[in-house]
Amino acid sequence: MSTGLELLPLAFAVGAAALIDIRRMRDGIPGAAPEVRSLPTRFCDEALLAEALGETATERDGMLHGVVDRVPMAFALDEEGKYIAYFQGGLPTREAASALLTLDAAYGQLVQREARNRVLDAAPQYGLPLEDEYQEEDGTIVLTLRVGA
């Protein structure tokens, strides 16, 4: 007998509301501010955020800095342990939201990779060998573990 496990790249409950709001900003909300100086994110792992930022990631002044789609950003933790994205001097809302969504997609893939690795590391301890693994077109990783092997 087998059981399947799907790891979705963007379907994380934590931070989903912030992600929806950012998508709305990118798509244009009537009456929304034309410029933003900061946006909330679902990011909570500094190492994964730095990896998502790639070669542009630097740390200075107690903040993580990077550039996505030619948009410079700085990140600082809030009191809840989530990063807030800051944009220097204000930025058109659509441009900021679009760049942040690009970064969010990269971060989501990294979170999915880490979840996959943790499942595969722990599964043998519970007698659940990997039977099959594949990645769907949307980036979803599907793991099938054998139960009762």
Foldseek 3Di string as FASTA:
>chain_A
DKDKDKQALQPDPQFPVQLVVLVCLLVDDVPDDQWDFKGWGSDQDPVLLQVLLPPQWDDDPNWTWHAFPNFIWIWDADPVRTIMIGGPPIDGSNVVSVRVVSSSSSSSLVVSVVVVVVCQVCQVVVVWHWDDWDADPNGMIMTMTDPPD
